[in-house]
């Protein structure tokens, strides 16, 4: 049995290690949600990364169930579904009305509509091995598309010559995750698990290379799109930076939220104290987060 048989001790080892790394990555947003709970406000954070992470976990659970022997994929993605659902519930509890409506819409569209469509098409149009192949390529396509997300972070680092938005420890952690799941997929001869993590590894190496290049560089003034945005009531929002999670052939990380200049209702810019707080927030959170 793939990954658990005595004939695949190394596959089991890498799969178990991948479970540990991926579980810790799932817990990375905890400081963000503790802040949301403490302040009883989402403070401008976005729900999209967590909705996408939930969809990704659902997709890989379906794939693993079809293969019937991918227990290590089922365990980590089941944990991911639980954790991401908790994040989304907390977000809905403290978000303002418009954010709640938007989150509900993308949940219905992605996690109900798109997932339901994939479920129906694979069950009605294919059978047996062809069903696994079709779903496998769907998983690969989705994973590759979301792995493009780090390009925004990489572009930001190059423009500002600052690695503030791309912590080295997280880049290293995610790269290690991509390597572990690639080896797991390789050992159990599952190309759908292995292939996307090649791209995840490449992006991780690029991120670490940029960190080495710019860690001692003199930062340039941040471009306008990374200034703090202003909410409808004129309050300055905390920026959110999301990075990819290279796990199980997918990424739950999305690009940083596009942020406009902090100008509304006569507010030209945030105060020095507010800017200092925003800088601390940027460094304290992993955030798309994958």
C-alpha atoms as a PDB file:
ATOM      1  CA  UNK A   1       0.000   0.000   0.000  1.00  0.00           C
ATOM      2  CA  UNK A   2       1.427   3.316  -1.140  1.00  0.00           C
ATOM      3  CA  UNK A   3       3.504   4.964   1.534  1.00  0.00           C
ATOM      4  CA  UNK A   4       2.501   2.591   4.385  1.00  0.00           C
ATOM      5  CA  UNK A   5       3.718  -0.789   3.199  1.00  0.00           C
ATOM      6  CA  UNK A   6       6.876  -2.312   4.601  1.00  0.00           C
ATOM      7  CA  UNK A   7       8.067  -2.282   1.004  1.00  0.00           C
ATOM      8  CA  UNK A   8       8.060   1.516   1.074  1.00  0.00           C
ATOM      9  CA  UNK A   9       9.787   2.465   4.355  1.00  0.00           C
ATOM     10  CA  UNK A  10      11.351   5.583   2.859  1.00  0.00           C
ATOM     11  CA  UNK A  11       8.057   6.686   1.345  1.00  0.00           C
ATOM     12  CA  UNK A  12       6.434   6.335   4.748  1.00  0.00           C
ATOM     13  CA  UNK A  13       9.266   8.294   6.361  1.00  0.00           C
ATOM     14  CA  UNK A  14       9.025  11.183   3.909  1.00  0.00           C
ATOM     15  CA  UNK A  15       5.227  11.141   4.040  1.00  0.00           C
ATOM     16  CA  UNK A  16       5.272  11.296   7.831  1.00  0.00           C
ATOM     17  CA  UNK A  17       7.837  14.093   7.779  1.00  0.00           C
ATOM     18  CA  UNK A  18       5.715  15.907   5.213  1.00  0.00           C
ATOM     19  CA  UNK A  19       2.711  15.592   7.523  1.00  0.00           C
ATOM     20  CA  UNK A  20       4.663  17.197  10.381  1.00  0.00           C
ATOM     21  CA  UNK A  21       6.019  20.065   8.264  1.00  0.00           C
ATOM     22  CA  UNK A  22       2.683  20.716   6.582  1.00  0.00           C
ATOM     23  CA  UNK A  23       0.815  20.646   9.907  1.00  0.00           C
ATOM     24  CA  UNK A  24       3.174  23.253  11.332  1.00  0.00           C
ATOM     25  CA  UNK A  25       2.656  25.330   8.193  1.00  0.00           C
ATOM     26  CA  UNK A  26      -1.107  25.128   8.657  1.00  0.00           C
ATOM     27  CA  UNK A  27      -0.606  26.546  12.159  1.00  0.00           C
ATOM     28  CA  UNK A  28       1.461  29.476  10.884  1.00  0.00           C
ATOM     29  CA  UNK A  29      -1.534  31.895  10.741  1.00  0.00           C
ATOM     30  CA  UNK A  30      -2.284  31.421  14.449  1.00  0.00           C
ATOM     31  CA  UNK A  31      -0.725  34.793  15.424  1.00  0.00           C
ATOM     32  CA  UNK A  32      -2.934  36.467  12.823  1.00  0.00           C
ATOM     33  CA  UNK A  33      -6.114  34.924  14.191  1.00  0.00           C
ATOM     34  CA  UNK A  34      -5.115  35.532  17.784  1.00  0.00           C
ATOM     35  CA  UNK A  35      -4.801  39.189  16.831  1.00  0.00           C
ATOM     36  CA  UNK A  36      -8.220  39.068  15.167  1.00  0.00           C
ATOM     37  CA  UNK A  37      -9.748  37.464  18.267  1.00  0.00           C
ATOM     38  CA  UNK A  38      -8.035  39.868  20.629  1.00  0.00           C
ATOM     39  CA  UNK A  39      -9.090  42.975  18.695  1.00  0.00           C
ATOM     40  CA  UNK A  40     -12.514  41.593  17.720  1.00  0.00           C
ATOM     41  CA  UNK A  41     -11.796  42.741  14.178  1.00  0.00           C
ATOM     42  CA  UNK A  42     -10.269  41.281  11.009  1.00  0.00           C
ATOM     43  CA  UNK A  43      -8.267  44.531  10.630  1.00  0.00           C
ATOM     44  CA  UNK A  44      -8.271  44.338   6.834  1.00  0.00           C
ATOM     45  CA  UNK A  45      -6.965  40.767   6.614  1.00  0.00           C
ATOM     46  CA  UNK A  46      -8.308  38.774   3.680  1.00  0.00           C
ATOM     47  CA  UNK A  47     -10.215  35.472   3.792  1.00  0.00           C
ATOM     48  CA  UNK A  48      -9.237  34.286   0.302  1.00  0.00           C
ATOM     49  CA  UNK A  49      -6.019  32.424   1.323  1.00  0.00           C
ATOM     50  CA  UNK A  50      -7.917  30.322   3.860  1.00  0.00           C
ATOM     51  CA  UNK A  51     -10.800  29.554   1.505  1.00  0.00           C
ATOM     52  CA  UNK A  52      -8.291  28.473  -1.167  1.00  0.00           C
ATOM     53  CA  UNK A  53      -6.402  26.356   1.364  1.00  0.00           C
ATOM     54  CA  UNK A  54      -9.648  24.627   2.335  1.00  0.00           C
ATOM     55  CA  UNK A  55     -10.500  23.949  -1.325  1.00  0.00           C
ATOM     56  CA  UNK A  56      -7.026  22.572  -1.969  1.00  0.00           C
ATOM     57  CA  UNK A  57      -7.248  20.220   1.022  1.00  0.00           C
ATOM     58  CA  UNK A  58     -10.699  19.024  -0.094  1.00  0.00           C
ATOM     59  CA  UNK A  59      -9.400  18.342  -3.596  1.00  0.00           C
ATOM     60  CA  UNK A  60      -6.437  16.277  -2.381  1.00  0.00           C
ATOM     61  CA  UNK A  61      -8.598  14.285   0.030  1.00  0.00           C
ATOM     62  CA  UNK A  62     -10.878  13.341  -2.879  1.00  0.00           C
ATOM     63  CA  UNK A  63      -7.855  12.327  -4.940  1.00  0.00           C
ATOM     64  CA  UNK A  64      -6.387  10.269  -2.075  1.00  0.00           C
ATOM     65  CA  UNK A  65      -9.717   8.522  -1.481  1.00  0.00           C
ATOM     66  CA  UNK A  66      -9.939   7.539  -5.139  1.00  0.00           C
ATOM     67  CA  UNK A  67      -6.482   5.988  -4.965  1.00  0.00           C
ATOM     68  CA  UNK A  68      -7.587   4.200  -1.762  1.00  0.00           C
ATOM     69  CA  UNK A  69      -4.100   3.805  -0.325  1.00  0.00           C
ATOM     70  CA  UNK A  70      -2.822   7.367   0.102  1.00  0.00           C
ATOM     71  CA  UNK A  71      -3.409   7.521   3.846  1.00  0.00           C
ATOM     72  CA  UNK A  72      -0.683  10.071   4.523  1.00  0.00           C
ATOM     73  CA  UNK A  73      -2.326  12.485   2.105  1.00  0.00           C
ATOM     74  CA  UNK A  74      -5.681  11.943   3.778  1.00  0.00           C
ATOM     75  CA  UNK A  75      -4.358  12.576   7.300  1.00  0.00           C
ATOM     76  CA  UNK A  76      -2.652  15.898   6.613  1.00  0.00           C
ATOM     77  CA  UNK A  77      -5.393  17.260   4.374  1.00  0.00           C
ATOM     78  CA  UNK A  78      -8.086  16.228   6.853  1.00  0.00           C
ATOM     79  CA  UNK A  79      -6.213  18.186   9.493  1.00  0.00           C
ATOM     80  CA  UNK A  80      -5.950  21.047   7.007  1.00  0.00           C
ATOM     81  CA  UNK A  81      -9.711  21.037   6.410  1.00  0.00           C
ATOM     82  CA  UNK A  82     -10.388  21.264  10.152  1.00  0.00           C
ATOM     83  CA  UNK A  83      -7.827  24.027  10.756  1.00  0.00           C
ATOM     84  CA  UNK A  84      -8.845  26.112   7.737  1.00  0.00           C
ATOM     85  CA  UNK A  85     -12.535  25.764   8.645  1.00  0.00           C
ATOM     86  CA  UNK A  86     -11.769  27.109  12.124  1.00  0.00           C
ATOM     87  CA  UNK A  87      -9.892  30.041  10.590  1.00  0.00           C
ATOM     88  CA  UNK A  88     -12.798  30.840   8.280  1.00  0.00           C
ATOM     89  CA  UNK A  89     -15.369  30.617  11.099  1.00  0.00           C
ATOM     90  CA  UNK A  90     -13.291  33.006  13.217  1.00  0.00           C
ATOM     91  CA  UNK A  91     -12.952  35.333  10.258  1.00  0.00           C
ATOM     92  CA  UNK A  92     -16.711  35.339   9.672  1.00  0.00           C
ATOM     93  CA  UNK A  93     -17.333  35.977  13.361  1.00  0.00           C
ATOM     94  CA  UNK A  94     -15.286  39.187  13.447  1.00  0.00           C
ATOM     95  CA  UNK A  95     -15.410  40.495   9.874  1.00  0.00           C
ATOM     96  CA  UNK A  96     -17.623  43.418   8.882  1.00  0.00           C
ATOM     97  CA  UNK A  97     -20.757  42.774   6.846  1.00  0.00           C
ATOM     98  CA  UNK A  98     -19.235  43.276   3.391  1.00  0.00           C
ATOM     99  CA  UNK A  99     -16.294  40.978   4.169  1.00  0.00           C
ATOM    100  CA  UNK A 100     -18.647  38.294   5.469  1.00  0.00           C
ATOM    101  CA  UNK A 101     -20.767  38.476   2.333  1.00  0.00           C
ATOM    102  CA  UNK A 102     -17.690  38.291   0.102  1.00  0.00           C
ATOM    103  CA  UNK A 103     -16.304  35.319   2.034  1.00  0.00           C
ATOM    104  CA  UNK A 104     -19.643  33.520   1.844  1.00  0.00           C
ATOM    105  CA  UNK A 105     -19.752  34.086  -1.924  1.00  0.00           C
ATOM    106  CA  UNK A 106     -16.295  32.677  -2.610  1.00  0.00           C
ATOM    107  CA  UNK A 107     -16.984  29.744  -0.282  1.00  0.00           C
ATOM    108  CA  UNK A 108     -20.109  28.906  -2.265  1.00  0.00           C
ATOM    109  CA  UNK A 109     -18.399  29.485  -5.597  1.00  0.00           C
ATOM    110  CA  UNK A 110     -15.148  27.616  -4.950  1.00  0.00           C
ATOM    111  CA  UNK A 111     -15.730  25.085  -2.199  1.00  0.00           C
ATOM    112  CA  UNK A 112     -19.290  24.191  -3.191  1.00  0.00           C
ATOM    113  CA  UNK A 113     -19.675  25.117  -6.863  1.00  0.00           C
ATOM    114  CA  UNK A 114     -16.270  24.326  -8.353  1.00  0.00           C
ATOM    115  CA  UNK A 115     -15.592  21.343  -6.112  1.00  0.00           C
ATOM    116  CA  UNK A 116     -19.076  19.980  -6.752  1.00  0.00           C
ATOM    117  CA  UNK A 117     -18.566  20.372 -10.510  1.00  0.00           C
ATOM    118  CA  UNK A 118     -15.247  18.524 -10.361  1.00  0.00           C
ATOM    119  CA  UNK A 119     -16.896  15.793  -8.303  1.00  0.00           C
ATOM    120  CA  UNK A 120     -19.763  15.359 -10.758  1.00  0.00           C
ATOM    121  CA  UNK A 121     -17.596  15.427 -13.877  1.00  0.00           C
ATOM    122  CA  UNK A 122     -15.117  12.886 -12.559  1.00  0.00           C
ATOM    123  CA  UNK A 123     -17.875  10.561 -11.319  1.00  0.00           C
ATOM    124  CA  UNK A 124     -20.114  10.813 -14.384  1.00  0.00           C
ATOM    125  CA  UNK A 125     -17.625  11.073 -17.245  1.00  0.00           C
ATOM    126  CA  UNK A 126     -14.853   8.768 -16.101  1.00  0.00           C
ATOM    127  CA  UNK A 127     -14.328   5.529 -14.226  1.00  0.00           C
ATOM    128  CA  UNK A 128     -11.499   3.531 -12.684  1.00  0.00           C
ATOM    129  CA  UNK A 129      -7.993   4.563 -13.618  1.00  0.00           C
ATOM    130  CA  UNK A 130      -9.207   7.251 -16.037  1.00  0.00           C
ATOM    131  CA  UNK A 131     -10.979   8.992 -13.152  1.00  0.00           C
ATOM    132  CA  UNK A 132      -7.773   9.069 -11.104  1.00  0.00           C
ATOM    133  CA  UNK A 133      -5.808  10.395 -14.080  1.00  0.00           C
ATOM    134  CA  UNK A 134      -8.357  13.140 -14.757  1.00  0.00           C
ATOM    135  CA  UNK A 135      -8.514  14.242 -11.130  1.00  0.00           C
ATOM    136  CA  UNK A 136      -4.733  14.027 -10.811  1.00  0.00           C
ATOM    137  CA  UNK A 137      -4.229  16.477 -13.647  1.00  0.00           C
ATOM    138  CA  UNK A 138      -6.887  18.768 -12.167  1.00  0.00           C
ATOM    139  CA  UNK A 139      -4.884  18.788  -8.919  1.00  0.00           C
ATOM    140  CA  UNK A 140      -1.655  19.459 -10.814  1.00  0.00           C
ATOM    141  CA  UNK A 141      -3.239  22.300 -12.814  1.00  0.00           C
ATOM    142  CA  UNK A 142      -4.648  23.945  -9.708  1.00  0.00           C
ATOM    143  CA  UNK A 143      -1.345  23.570  -7.858  1.00  0.00           C
ATOM    144  CA  UNK A 144       0.693  25.061 -10.696  1.00  0.00           C
ATOM    145  CA  UNK A 145      -1.675  28.023 -10.998  1.00  0.00           C
ATOM    146  CA  UNK A 146      -1.425  28.938  -7.321  1.00  0.00           C
ATOM    147  CA  UNK A 147       2.347  28.421  -7.274  1.00  0.00           C
ATOM    148  CA  UNK A 148       2.534  31.546  -9.444  1.00  0.00           C
ATOM    149  CA  UNK A 149       1.534  33.525  -6.348  1.00  0.00           C
ATOM    150  CA  UNK A 150       5.102  34.053  -5.027  1.00  0.00           C
ATOM    151  CA  UNK A 151       5.903  36.105  -8.133  1.00  0.00           C
ATOM    152  CA  UNK A 152       4.232  39.110  -6.509  1.00  0.00           C
ATOM    153  CA  UNK A 153       6.344  38.741  -3.371  1.00  0.00           C
ATOM    154  CA  UNK A 154       9.516  38.276  -5.447  1.00  0.00           C
ATOM    155  CA  UNK A 155       8.678  41.393  -7.477  1.00  0.00           C
ATOM    156  CA  UNK A 156       8.122  43.360  -4.280  1.00  0.00           C
ATOM    157  CA  UNK A 157      11.493  42.272  -2.844  1.00  0.00           C
ATOM    158  CA  UNK A 158      13.310  43.285  -6.036  1.00  0.00           C
ATOM    159  CA  UNK A 159      11.556  46.674  -6.203  1.00  0.00           C
ATOM    160  CA  UNK A 160      12.132  47.582  -2.558  1.00  0.00           C
ATOM    161  CA  UNK A 161      15.491  45.777  -2.122  1.00  0.00           C
ATOM    162  CA  UNK A 162      14.042  44.666   1.209  1.00  0.00           C
ATOM    163  CA  UNK A 163      13.375  41.119   2.458  1.00  0.00           C
ATOM    164  CA  UNK A 164      10.915  42.363   5.081  1.00  0.00           C
ATOM    165  CA  UNK A 165       8.031  40.802   3.164  1.00  0.00           C
ATOM    166  CA  UNK A 166       9.788  37.444   2.654  1.00  0.00           C
ATOM    167  CA  UNK A 167      11.168  35.905   5.880  1.00  0.00           C
ATOM    168  CA  UNK A 168      14.009  33.484   5.206  1.00  0.00           C
ATOM    169  CA  UNK A 169      12.838  30.961   7.788  1.00  0.00           C
ATOM    170  CA  UNK A 170       9.455  30.609   6.117  1.00  0.00           C
ATOM    171  CA  UNK A 171      10.991  30.326   2.632  1.00  0.00           C
ATOM    172  CA  UNK A 172      13.322  27.599   3.928  1.00  0.00           C
ATOM    173  CA  UNK A 173      10.458  25.829   5.666  1.00  0.00           C
ATOM    174  CA  UNK A 174       8.287  25.807   2.553  1.00  0.00           C
ATOM    175  CA  UNK A 175      11.170  24.680   0.347  1.00  0.00           C
ATOM    176  CA  UNK A 176      11.826  21.758   2.679  1.00  0.00           C
ATOM    177  CA  UNK A 177       8.138  20.863   2.489  1.00  0.00           C
ATOM    178  CA  UNK A 178       8.273  20.844  -1.318  1.00  0.00           C
ATOM    179  CA  UNK A 179      11.347  18.584  -1.285  1.00  0.00           C
ATOM    180  CA  UNK A 180       9.775  16.126   1.166  1.00  0.00           C
ATOM    181  CA  UNK A 181       6.504  15.794  -0.745  1.00  0.00           C
ATOM    182  CA  UNK A 182       8.339  15.523  -4.066  1.00  0.00           C
ATOM    183  CA  UNK A 183      10.375  12.605  -2.707  1.00  0.00           C
ATOM    184  CA  UNK A 184       7.228  11.024  -1.283  1.00  0.00           C
ATOM    185  CA  UNK A 185       5.483  11.257  -4.656  1.00  0.00           C
ATOM    186  CA  UNK A 186       8.567   9.932  -6.405  1.00  0.00           C
ATOM    187  CA  UNK A 187       8.909   6.937  -4.094  1.00  0.00           C
ATOM    188  CA  UNK A 188       5.260   5.905  -4.408  1.00  0.00           C
ATOM    189  CA  UNK A 189       5.435   6.638  -8.162  1.00  0.00           C
ATOM    190  CA  UNK A 190       2.683   9.269  -8.025  1.00  0.00           C
ATOM    191  CA  UNK A 191       3.556  11.970 -10.525  1.00  0.00           C
ATOM    192  CA  UNK A 192       0.552  14.087  -9.559  1.00  0.00           C
ATOM    193  CA  UNK A 193       1.968  14.578  -6.070  1.00  0.00           C
ATOM    194  CA  UNK A 194       5.579  14.939  -7.207  1.00  0.00           C
ATOM    195  CA  UNK A 195       5.321  17.240 -10.249  1.00  0.00           C
ATOM    196  CA  UNK A 196       3.878  20.432  -8.671  1.00  0.00           C
ATOM    197  CA  UNK A 197       6.473  20.379  -5.913  1.00  0.00           C
ATOM    198  CA  UNK A 198       9.250  20.761  -8.480  1.00  0.00           C
ATOM    199  CA  UNK A 199       7.851  24.235  -9.130  1.00  0.00           C
ATOM    200  CA  UNK A 200       7.449  24.807  -5.390  1.00  0.00           C
ATOM    201  CA  UNK A 201      11.097  23.908  -4.827  1.00  0.00           C
ATOM    202  CA  UNK A 202      12.207  26.236  -7.658  1.00  0.00           C
ATOM    203  CA  UNK A 203      10.305  29.188  -6.196  1.00  0.00           C
ATOM    204  CA  UNK A 204      11.653  28.409  -2.721  1.00  0.00           C
ATOM    205  CA  UNK A 205      15.253  28.409  -3.972  1.00  0.00           C
ATOM    206  CA  UNK A 206      14.645  31.704  -5.792  1.00  0.00           C
ATOM    207  CA  UNK A 207      13.218  33.254  -2.630  1.00  0.00           C
ATOM    208  CA  UNK A 208      16.185  32.148  -0.530  1.00  0.00           C
ATOM    209  CA  UNK A 209      18.576  33.421  -3.210  1.00  0.00           C
ATOM    210  CA  UNK A 210      16.892  36.813  -3.179  1.00  0.00           C
ATOM    211  CA  UNK A 211      17.094  36.867   0.603  1.00  0.00           C
ATOM    212  CA  UNK A 212      20.854  36.275   0.448  1.00  0.00           C
ATOM    213  CA  UNK A 213      21.168  38.991  -2.211  1.00  0.00           C
ATOM    214  CA  UNK A 214      19.120  41.700  -0.521  1.00  0.00           C
ATOM    215  CA  UNK A 215      19.378  40.960   3.207  1.00  0.00           C
ATOM    216  CA  UNK A 216      22.113  43.590   3.650  1.00  0.00           C
ATOM    217  CA  UNK A 217      21.003  45.895   0.838  1.00  0.00           C
ATOM    218  CA  UNK A 218      19.813  49.435   1.484  1.00  0.00           C
ATOM    219  CA  UNK A 219      16.023  49.353   1.147  1.00  0.00           C
ATOM    220  CA  UNK A 220      14.312  51.609  -1.358  1.00  0.00           C
ATOM    221  CA  UNK A 221      11.157  53.548  -0.465  1.00  0.00           C
ATOM    222  CA  UNK A 222       8.196  51.203  -0.624  1.00  0.00           C
ATOM    223  CA  UNK A 223       6.048  51.651  -3.738  1.00  0.00           C
ATOM    224  CA  UNK A 224       2.552  52.992  -3.359  1.00  0.00           C
ATOM    225  CA  UNK A 225       0.936  49.599  -3.741  1.00  0.00           C
ATOM    226  CA  UNK A 226       2.417  48.470  -0.432  1.00  0.00           C
ATOM    227  CA  UNK A 227       1.253  51.485   1.514  1.00  0.00           C
ATOM    228  CA  UNK A 228      -1.413  50.854   4.134  1.00  0.00           C
ATOM    229  CA  UNK A 229      -4.920  50.899   2.659  1.00  0.00           C
ATOM    230  CA  UNK A 230      -7.807  52.665   4.298  1.00  0.00           C
ATOM    231  CA  UNK A 231     -11.080  50.970   5.142  1.00  0.00           C
ATOM    232  CA  UNK A 232     -14.524  52.427   4.518  1.00  0.00           C
ATOM    233  CA  UNK A 233     -14.564  54.119   7.914  1.00  0.00           C
ATOM    234  CA  UNK A 234     -11.207  55.782   7.318  1.00  0.00           C
ATOM    235  CA  UNK A 235      -9.184  53.459   9.522  1.00  0.00           C
ATOM    236  CA  UNK A 236      -5.811  52.309   8.259  1.00  0.00           C
ATOM    237  CA  UNK A 237      -5.807  48.587   7.484  1.00  0.00           C
ATOM    238  CA  UNK A 238      -3.022  46.253   8.461  1.00  0.00           C
ATOM    239  CA  UNK A 239      -1.318  44.853   5.369  1.00  0.00           C
ATOM    240  CA  UNK A 240      -1.370  41.152   4.769  1.00  0.00           C
ATOM    241  CA  UNK A 241       1.298  39.227   2.931  1.00  0.00           C
ATOM    242  CA  UNK A 242       0.558  35.711   1.798  1.00  0.00           C
ATOM    243  CA  UNK A 243       3.139  33.198   0.682  1.00  0.00           C
ATOM    244  CA  UNK A 244       2.704  29.828  -0.905  1.00  0.00           C
ATOM    245  CA  UNK A 245       2.517  26.646   1.102  1.00  0.00           C
ATOM    246  CA  UNK A 246       4.426  24.033  -0.857  1.00  0.00           C
ATOM    247  CA  UNK A 247       2.546  20.997   0.371  1.00  0.00           C
ATOM    248  CA  UNK A 248       1.083  17.911  -1.240  1.00  0.00           C
ATOM    249  CA  UNK A 249       1.586  19.314  -4.686  1.00  0.00           C
ATOM    250  CA  UNK A 250      -0.267  22.520  -3.911  1.00  0.00           C
ATOM    251  CA  UNK A 251       0.152  25.982  -2.562  1.00  0.00           C
ATOM    252  CA  UNK A 252      -2.224  27.816  -0.347  1.00  0.00           C
ATOM    253  CA  UNK A 253      -0.370  30.921  -0.561  1.00  0.00           C
ATOM    254  CA  UNK A 254      -1.541  33.828  -2.618  1.00  0.00           C
ATOM    255  CA  UNK A 255       0.155  37.140  -3.457  1.00  0.00           C
ATOM    256  CA  UNK A 256       0.121  40.083  -1.076  1.00  0.00           C
ATOM    257  CA  UNK A 257      -3.144  41.967  -0.953  1.00  0.00           C
ATOM    258  CA  UNK A 258      -2.940  44.898  -3.308  1.00  0.00           C
ATOM    259  CA  UNK A 259      -2.887  47.975  -1.197  1.00  0.00           C
ATOM    260  CA  UNK A 260      -3.670  51.508  -2.250  1.00  0.00           C
ATOM    261  CA  UNK A 261      -2.341  54.742  -0.838  1.00  0.00           C
ATOM    262  CA  UNK A 262      -3.731  55.711   2.536  1.00  0.00           C
ATOM    263  CA  UNK A 263      -5.756  58.687   1.368  1.00  0.00           C
ATOM    264  CA  UNK A 264      -9.429  59.089   2.161  1.00  0.00           C
ATOM    265  CA  UNK A 265     -11.544  61.611   4.044  1.00  0.00           C
ATOM    266  CA  UNK A 266      -8.646  64.028   4.182  1.00  0.00           C
ATOM    267  CA  UNK A 267      -6.223  61.461   5.575  1.00  0.00           C
ATOM    268  CA  UNK A 268      -2.990  61.934   3.599  1.00  0.00           C
ATOM    269  CA  UNK A 269      -0.940  59.246   5.346  1.00  0.00           C
ATOM    270  CA  UNK A 270      -0.748  57.179   8.492  1.00  0.00           C
ATOM    271  CA  UNK A 271       0.975  58.606  11.537  1.00  0.00           C
ATOM    272  CA  UNK A 272       4.511  57.549  12.488  1.00  0.00           C
ATOM    273  CA  UNK A 273       3.141  55.394  15.305  1.00  0.00           C
ATOM    274  CA  UNK A 274       0.696  53.684  12.973  1.00  0.00           C
ATOM    275  CA  UNK A 275       3.415  53.021  10.385  1.00  0.00           C
ATOM    276  CA  UNK A 276       5.612  51.520  13.087  1.00  0.00           C
ATOM    277  CA  UNK A 277       2.772  49.251  14.174  1.00  0.00           C
ATOM    278  CA  UNK A 278       2.183  48.146  10.597  1.00  0.00           C
ATOM    279  CA  UNK A 279       5.854  47.257  10.192  1.00  0.00           C
ATOM    280  CA  UNK A 280       5.678  45.113  13.320  1.00  0.00           C
ATOM    281  CA  UNK A 281       2.549  43.407  12.040  1.00  0.00           C
ATOM    282  CA  UNK A 282       4.230  42.650   8.713  1.00  0.00           C
ATOM    283  CA  UNK A 283       7.125  40.952  10.488  1.00  0.00           C
ATOM    284  CA  UNK A 284       4.906  39.085  12.944  1.00  0.00           C
ATOM    285  CA  UNK A 285       2.673  37.266  10.467  1.00  0.00           C
ATOM    286  CA  UNK A 286       3.421  34.723   7.770  1.00  0.00           C
ATOM    287  CA  UNK A 287       0.875  36.232   5.491  1.00  0.00           C
ATOM    288  CA  UNK A 288      -0.512  34.500   2.046  1.00  0.00           C
ATOM    289  CA  UNK A 289      -0.426  32.949   3.219  1.00  0.00           C
ATOM    290  CA  UNK A 290      -0.721  28.085   0.472  1.00  0.00           C
END
